[in-house]
Amino acid sequence: MTNQTPNPSPSVTAATTPEGTPGAEQNAPTRATPEPAPPSEHPSEHAVAEQLRELERGRLRALVAGDLATARGLHAEAFQVITPIGLALSREQYLGAIESGGLRYELWEPEDIRVRVHGETATLRYRARLRVVFGGHRVETCAYWHTDTYERGASGWQAVWSQATQILPPAGTGYPASADGAASAR
């Protein structure tokens, strides 16, 4: 889903009666109607959202494969991730942990990736299943919410911020969390 904003400077036109009665325009209320958007050099927001989904999937594949050359190109120099346990890691700390084997993704399966585009910035949100080895300890497959912010710069779109939150079932329900984070009965 993308954020589509109206043209910031709409023209104001007079409403006419269906019959087109002369002079009706003067008494009728006016309404703002957007002018047609000029041809753009940029792809449509839908195309940009699809491009970002593919970039995110490619970023995840690179992280799981330990492909640091690809991963470095998809993470801005100022990238920061907030892990599910609340650690804030810079790009070099994060990718360094993957390079050293201190962090190893075994599985990262995103569900529907939602995208909001705001000019040269975009926010992605999705639920995913992950299995990871962190500090030599395997964390079994769990569900997480991910929120990522991308910015478009001279190098194209790059991830600048990322946050992951583990989805836990609501206390006392005995039910797993559903895709929207609410408790669900099986």
C-alpha atoms as a PDB file:
ATOM      1  CA  MET A   1       0.000   0.000   0.000  1.00  0.00           C
ATOM      2  CA  THR A   2       1.482   3.340  -0.948  1.00  0.00           C
ATOM      3  CA  ASN A   3       0.714   6.798   0.256  1.00  0.00           C
ATOM      4  CA  GLN A   4      -0.780   8.767  -2.595  1.00  0.00           C
ATOM      5  CA  THR A   5      -0.950  12.452  -1.896  1.00  0.00           C
ATOM      6  CA  PRO A   6      -3.073  14.880  -3.896  1.00  0.00           C
ATOM      7  CA  ASN A   7      -1.497  17.603  -5.970  1.00  0.00           C
ATOM      8  CA  PRO A   8      -0.539  20.265  -3.381  1.00  0.00           C
ATOM      9  CA  SER A   9      -1.900  23.141  -5.456  1.00  0.00           C
ATOM     10  CA  PRO A  10      -5.336  22.165  -6.747  1.00  0.00           C
ATOM     11  CA  SER A  11      -7.257  24.536  -8.948  1.00  0.00           C
ATOM     12  CA  VAL A  12     -10.683  25.694  -7.839  1.00  0.00           C
ATOM     13  CA  THR A  13     -13.514  25.271 -10.311  1.00  0.00           C
ATOM     14  CA  ALA A  14     -17.126  26.359 -10.105  1.00  0.00           C
ATOM     15  CA  ALA A  15     -19.774  23.679  -9.956  1.00  0.00           C
ATOM     16  CA  THR A  16     -22.530  23.849 -12.538  1.00  0.00           C
ATOM     17  CA  THR A  17     -26.019  22.466 -12.454  1.00  0.00           C
ATOM     18  CA  PRO A  18     -26.705  19.371 -14.519  1.00  0.00           C
ATOM     19  CA  GLU A  19     -28.801  21.504 -16.827  1.00  0.00           C
ATOM     20  CA  GLY A  20     -25.968  23.988 -17.282  1.00  0.00           C
ATOM     21  CA  THR A  21     -28.256  26.897 -16.360  1.00  0.00           C
ATOM     22  CA  PRO A  22     -26.605  30.233 -17.138  1.00  0.00           C
ATOM     23  CA  GLY A  23     -25.487  31.996 -13.977  1.00  0.00           C
ATOM     24  CA  ALA A  24     -25.767  28.851 -11.875  1.00  0.00           C
ATOM     25  CA  GLU A  25     -21.988  28.811 -11.525  1.00  0.00           C
ATOM     26  CA  GLN A  26     -22.092  32.018  -9.463  1.00  0.00           C
ATOM     27  CA  ASN A  27     -24.469  30.613  -6.841  1.00  0.00           C
ATOM     28  CA  ALA A  28     -23.120  27.092  -6.698  1.00  0.00           C
ATOM     29  CA  PRO A  29     -20.514  26.121  -4.127  1.00  0.00           C
ATOM     30  CA  THR A  30     -16.986  25.721  -5.408  1.00  0.00           C
ATOM     31  CA  ARG A  31     -14.942  22.603  -4.952  1.00  0.00           C
ATOM     32  CA  ALA A  32     -11.270  21.915  -5.310  1.00  0.00           C
ATOM     33  CA  THR A  33     -10.409  19.550  -8.120  1.00  0.00           C
ATOM     34  CA  PRO A  34      -6.863  18.404  -8.616  1.00  0.00           C
ATOM     35  CA  GLU A  35      -5.199  19.324 -11.851  1.00  0.00           C
ATOM     36  CA  PRO A  36      -3.913  16.391 -13.854  1.00  0.00           C
ATOM     37  CA  ALA A  37      -0.442  15.433 -12.697  1.00  0.00           C
ATOM     38  CA  PRO A  38       2.271  16.411 -15.167  1.00  0.00           C
ATOM     39  CA  PRO A  39       4.154  13.575 -16.816  1.00  0.00           C
ATOM     40  CA  SER A  40       6.780  12.372 -14.377  1.00  0.00           C
ATOM     41  CA  GLU A  41      10.302  11.150 -14.852  1.00  0.00           C
ATOM     42  CA  HIS A  42       9.819   8.977 -11.767  1.00  0.00           C
ATOM     43  CA  PRO A  43       7.998   5.659 -11.828  1.00  0.00           C
ATOM     44  CA  SER A  44       4.543   5.496 -10.297  1.00  0.00           C
ATOM     45  CA  GLU A  45       4.248   5.015  -6.546  1.00  0.00           C
ATOM     46  CA  HIS A  46       2.988   1.489  -7.200  1.00  0.00           C
ATOM     47  CA  ALA A  47       6.131   0.719  -9.203  1.00  0.00           C
ATOM     48  CA  VAL A  48       8.321   2.270  -6.483  1.00  0.00           C
ATOM     49  CA  ALA A  49       6.556   0.176  -3.825  1.00  0.00           C
ATOM     50  CA  GLU A  50       7.156  -2.984  -5.876  1.00  0.00           C
ATOM     51  CA  GLN A  51      10.817  -2.006  -6.338  1.00  0.00           C
ATOM     52  CA  LEU A  52      11.173  -1.557  -2.570  1.00  0.00           C
ATOM     53  CA  ARG A  53       9.541  -4.923  -1.854  1.00  0.00           C
ATOM     54  CA  GLU A  54      12.026  -6.580  -4.198  1.00  0.00           C
ATOM     55  CA  LEU A  55      14.934  -4.685  -2.620  1.00  0.00           C
ATOM     56  CA  GLU A  56      13.816  -5.801   0.850  1.00  0.00           C
ATOM     57  CA  ARG A  57      13.495  -9.422  -0.263  1.00  0.00           C
ATOM     58  CA  GLY A  58      16.955  -9.158  -1.839  1.00  0.00           C
ATOM     59  CA  ARG A  59      18.346  -7.660   1.381  1.00  0.00           C
ATOM     60  CA  LEU A  60      16.891 -10.555   3.376  1.00  0.00           C
ATOM     61  CA  ARG A  61      18.312 -13.134   0.937  1.00  0.00           C
ATOM     62  CA  ALA A  62      21.738 -11.488   1.212  1.00  0.00           C
ATOM     63  CA  LEU A  63      21.608 -11.537   5.021  1.00  0.00           C
ATOM     64  CA  VAL A  64      20.568 -15.215   5.136  1.00  0.00           C
ATOM     65  CA  ALA A  65      23.265 -16.164   2.587  1.00  0.00           C
ATOM     66  CA  GLY A  66      25.911 -14.090   4.374  1.00  0.00           C
ATOM     67  CA  ASP A  67      26.461 -12.159   1.116  1.00  0.00           C
ATOM     68  CA  LEU A  68      28.052  -9.114   2.703  1.00  0.00           C
ATOM     69  CA  ALA A  69      28.981  -7.394  -0.569  1.00  0.00           C
ATOM     70  CA  THR A  70      25.312  -7.267  -1.564  1.00  0.00           C
ATOM     71  CA  ALA A  71      24.177  -6.451   1.990  1.00  0.00           C
ATOM     72  CA  ARG A  72      26.600  -3.502   2.289  1.00  0.00           C
ATOM     73  CA  GLY A  73      25.144  -1.955  -0.866  1.00  0.00           C
ATOM     74  CA  LEU A  74      21.594  -2.241   0.498  1.00  0.00           C
ATOM     75  CA  HIS A  75      22.384  -0.711   3.917  1.00  0.00           C
ATOM     76  CA  ALA A  76      23.224   3.004   4.102  1.00  0.00           C
ATOM     77  CA  GLU A  77      26.442   3.945   5.870  1.00  0.00           C
ATOM     78  CA  ALA A  78      24.345   5.475   8.690  1.00  0.00           C
ATOM     79  CA  PHE A  79      22.136   2.341   8.982  1.00  0.00           C
ATOM     80  CA  GLN A  80      21.009   1.342  12.457  1.00  0.00           C
ATOM     81  CA  VAL A  81      19.002  -1.674  13.570  1.00  0.00           C
ATOM     82  CA  ILE A  82      17.150  -2.129  16.840  1.00  0.00           C
ATOM     83  CA  THR A  83      17.078  -5.859  17.557  1.00  0.00           C
ATOM     84  CA  PRO A  84      14.200  -7.720  19.239  1.00  0.00           C
ATOM     85  CA  ILE A  85      16.165  -7.624  22.519  1.00  0.00           C
ATOM     86  CA  GLY A  86      16.654  -3.865  22.258  1.00  0.00           C
ATOM     87  CA  LEU A  87      20.257  -3.654  21.056  1.00  0.00           C
ATOM     88  CA  ALA A  88      21.069  -0.729  18.768  1.00  0.00           C
ATOM     89  CA  LEU A  89      23.646  -1.761  16.155  1.00  0.00           C
ATOM     90  CA  SER A  90      25.321   0.310  13.455  1.00  0.00           C
ATOM     91  CA  ARG A  91      25.736  -1.050   9.940  1.00  0.00           C
ATOM     92  CA  GLU A  92      29.304  -2.146  10.683  1.00  0.00           C
ATOM     93  CA  GLN A  93      28.335  -3.787  13.986  1.00  0.00           C
ATOM     94  CA  TYR A  94      25.389  -5.592  12.386  1.00  0.00           C
ATOM     95  CA  LEU A  95      27.152  -6.771   9.243  1.00  0.00           C
ATOM     96  CA  GLY A  96      30.307  -7.475  11.261  1.00  0.00           C
ATOM     97  CA  ALA A  97      28.319  -9.822  13.509  1.00  0.00           C
ATOM     98  CA  ILE A  98      27.120 -11.686  10.408  1.00  0.00           C
ATOM     99  CA  GLU A  99      30.635 -11.773   8.952  1.00  0.00           C
ATOM    100  CA  SER A 100      32.130 -13.162  12.180  1.00  0.00           C
ATOM    101  CA  GLY A 101      29.396 -15.781  12.577  1.00  0.00           C
ATOM    102  CA  GLY A 102      28.149 -14.206  15.815  1.00  0.00           C
ATOM    103  CA  LEU A 103      24.816 -13.672  14.042  1.00  0.00           C
ATOM    104  CA  ARG A 104      23.592 -16.155  11.468  1.00  0.00           C
ATOM    105  CA  TYR A 105      20.162 -16.161   9.885  1.00  0.00           C
ATOM    106  CA  GLU A 106      18.967 -19.646   8.954  1.00  0.00           C
ATOM    107  CA  LEU A 107      15.483 -18.611   7.853  1.00  0.00           C
ATOM    108  CA  TRP A 108      13.843 -15.262   7.088  1.00  0.00           C
ATOM    109  CA  GLU A 109      10.429 -15.583   5.422  1.00  0.00           C
ATOM    110  CA  PRO A 110       8.542 -12.318   5.026  1.00  0.00           C
ATOM    111  CA  GLU A 111       4.792 -12.249   4.556  1.00  0.00           C
ATOM    112  CA  ASP A 112       3.004  -9.382   2.757  1.00  0.00           C
ATOM    113  CA  ILE A 113       5.316  -6.350   2.750  1.00  0.00           C
ATOM    114  CA  ARG A 114       3.387  -3.104   3.193  1.00  0.00           C
ATOM    115  CA  VAL A 115       5.014   0.009   1.752  1.00  0.00           C
ATOM    116  CA  ARG A 116       4.361   3.728   2.324  1.00  0.00           C
ATOM    117  CA  VAL A 117       6.292   6.075   0.025  1.00  0.00           C
ATOM    118  CA  HIS A 118       6.904   9.675   1.071  1.00  0.00           C
ATOM    119  CA  GLY A 119       9.033  11.353  -1.593  1.00  0.00           C
ATOM    120  CA  GLU A 120      12.612  10.158  -1.132  1.00  0.00           C
ATOM    121  CA  THR A 121      11.748   8.137   1.999  1.00  0.00           C
ATOM    122  CA  ALA A 122       9.750   4.937   2.357  1.00  0.00           C
ATOM    123  CA  THR A 123       8.583   2.825   5.267  1.00  0.00           C
ATOM    124  CA  LEU A 124       8.147  -0.933   4.957  1.00  0.00           C
ATOM    125  CA  ARG A 125       6.284  -3.078   7.490  1.00  0.00           C
ATOM    126  CA  TYR A 126       5.787  -6.800   7.483  1.00  0.00           C
ATOM    127  CA  ARG A 127       5.541  -9.905   9.578  1.00  0.00           C
ATOM    128  CA  ALA A 128       8.154 -12.626   9.071  1.00  0.00           C
ATOM    129  CA  ARG A 129       9.235 -15.986  10.393  1.00  0.00           C
ATOM    130  CA  LEU A 130      12.873 -16.098  11.442  1.00  0.00           C
ATOM    131  CA  ARG A 131      15.240 -18.709  12.754  1.00  0.00           C
ATOM    132  CA  VAL A 132      18.560 -17.303  13.873  1.00  0.00           C
ATOM    133  CA  VAL A 133      21.749 -18.303  15.684  1.00  0.00           C
ATOM    134  CA  PHE A 134      22.941 -15.488  17.940  1.00  0.00           C
ATOM    135  CA  GLY A 135      26.097 -15.794  20.029  1.00  0.00           C
ATOM    136  CA  GLY A 136      26.170 -19.547  19.396  1.00  0.00           C
ATOM    137  CA  HIS A 137      22.596 -20.073  20.617  1.00  0.00           C
ATOM    138  CA  ARG A 138      19.850 -21.057  18.197  1.00  0.00           C
ATOM    139  CA  VAL A 139      16.623 -19.107  18.535  1.00  0.00           C
ATOM    140  CA  GLU A 140      13.942 -21.411  17.172  1.00  0.00           C
ATOM    141  CA  THR A 141      11.584 -20.182  14.480  1.00  0.00           C
ATOM    142  CA  CYS A 142       9.521 -17.254  15.756  1.00  0.00           C
ATOM    143  CA  ALA A 143       7.290 -14.581  14.267  1.00  0.00           C
ATOM    144  CA  TYR A 144       8.464 -10.969  14.230  1.00  0.00           C
ATOM    145  CA  TRP A 145       7.159  -7.627  13.064  1.00  0.00           C
ATOM    146  CA  HIS A 146       9.691  -5.657  11.022  1.00  0.00           C
ATOM    147  CA  THR A 147       9.643  -1.967  10.267  1.00  0.00           C
ATOM    148  CA  ASP A 148      12.281  -0.631   7.889  1.00  0.00           C
ATOM    149  CA  THR A 149      12.935   2.866   6.610  1.00  0.00           C
ATOM    150  CA  TYR A 150      14.569   3.349   3.236  1.00  0.00           C
ATOM    151  CA  GLU A 151      15.922   6.559   1.735  1.00  0.00           C
ATOM    152  CA  ARG A 152      16.660   7.251  -1.915  1.00  0.00           C
ATOM    153  CA  GLY A 153      20.031   8.870  -2.461  1.00  0.00           C
ATOM    154  CA  ALA A 154      22.771   8.951  -5.071  1.00  0.00           C
ATOM    155  CA  SER A 155      23.227   5.172  -4.690  1.00  0.00           C
ATOM    156  CA  GLY A 156      19.489   4.481  -5.037  1.00  0.00           C
ATOM    157  CA  TRP A 157      17.271   3.115  -2.275  1.00  0.00           C
ATOM    158  CA  GLN A 158      19.070   1.942   0.880  1.00  0.00           C
ATOM    159  CA  ALA A 159      17.858   0.803   4.301  1.00  0.00           C
ATOM    160  CA  VAL A 160      18.635   3.416   6.964  1.00  0.00           C
ATOM    161  CA  TRP A 161      16.679   2.146   9.978  1.00  0.00           C
ATOM    162  CA  SER A 162      15.295  -1.222  10.936  1.00  0.00           C
ATOM    163  CA  GLN A 163      13.458  -2.536  13.969  1.00  0.00           C
ATOM    164  CA  ALA A 164      12.284  -6.048  14.760  1.00  0.00           C
ATOM    165  CA  THR A 165       9.823  -6.998  17.489  1.00  0.00           C
ATOM    166  CA  GLN A 166       9.087 -10.590  18.437  1.00  0.00           C
ATOM    167  CA  ILE A 167       5.396 -11.432  18.341  1.00  0.00           C
ATOM    168  CA  LEU A 168       4.377 -13.177  21.533  1.00  0.00           C
ATOM    169  CA  PRO A 169       0.948 -14.633  22.175  1.00  0.00           C
ATOM    170  CA  PRO A 170      -1.082 -12.589  24.639  1.00  0.00           C
ATOM    171  CA  ALA A 171      -0.437 -13.798  28.184  1.00  0.00           C
ATOM    172  CA  GLY A 172      -2.792 -16.467  29.421  1.00  0.00           C
ATOM    173  CA  THR A 173      -4.495 -17.159  26.096  1.00  0.00           C
ATOM    174  CA  GLY A 174      -2.509 -20.186  25.021  1.00  0.00           C
ATOM    175  CA  TYR A 175      -3.056 -19.046  21.429  1.00  0.00           C
ATOM    176  CA  PRO A 176      -0.411 -17.941  18.947  1.00  0.00           C
ATOM    177  CA  ALA A 177      -0.562 -14.400  17.629  1.00  0.00           C
ATOM    178  CA  SER A 178      -2.255 -13.972  14.238  1.00  0.00           C
ATOM    179  CA  ALA A 179      -0.812 -12.020  11.304  1.00  0.00           C
ATOM    180  CA  ASP A 180      -2.240  -8.770  12.666  1.00  0.00           C
ATOM    181  CA  GLY A 181      -0.755  -9.434  16.108  1.00  0.00           C
ATOM    182  CA  ALA A 182      -4.048 -10.330  17.820  1.00  0.00           C
ATOM    183  CA  ALA A 183      -4.663 -13.634  19.553  1.00  0.00           C
ATOM    184  CA  SER A 184      -6.240 -16.230  17.311  1.00  0.00           C
ATOM    185  CA  ALA A 185      -7.919 -19.519  18.155  1.00  0.00           C
ATOM    186  CA  ARG A 186      -7.037 -22.484  15.996  1.00  0.00           C
END
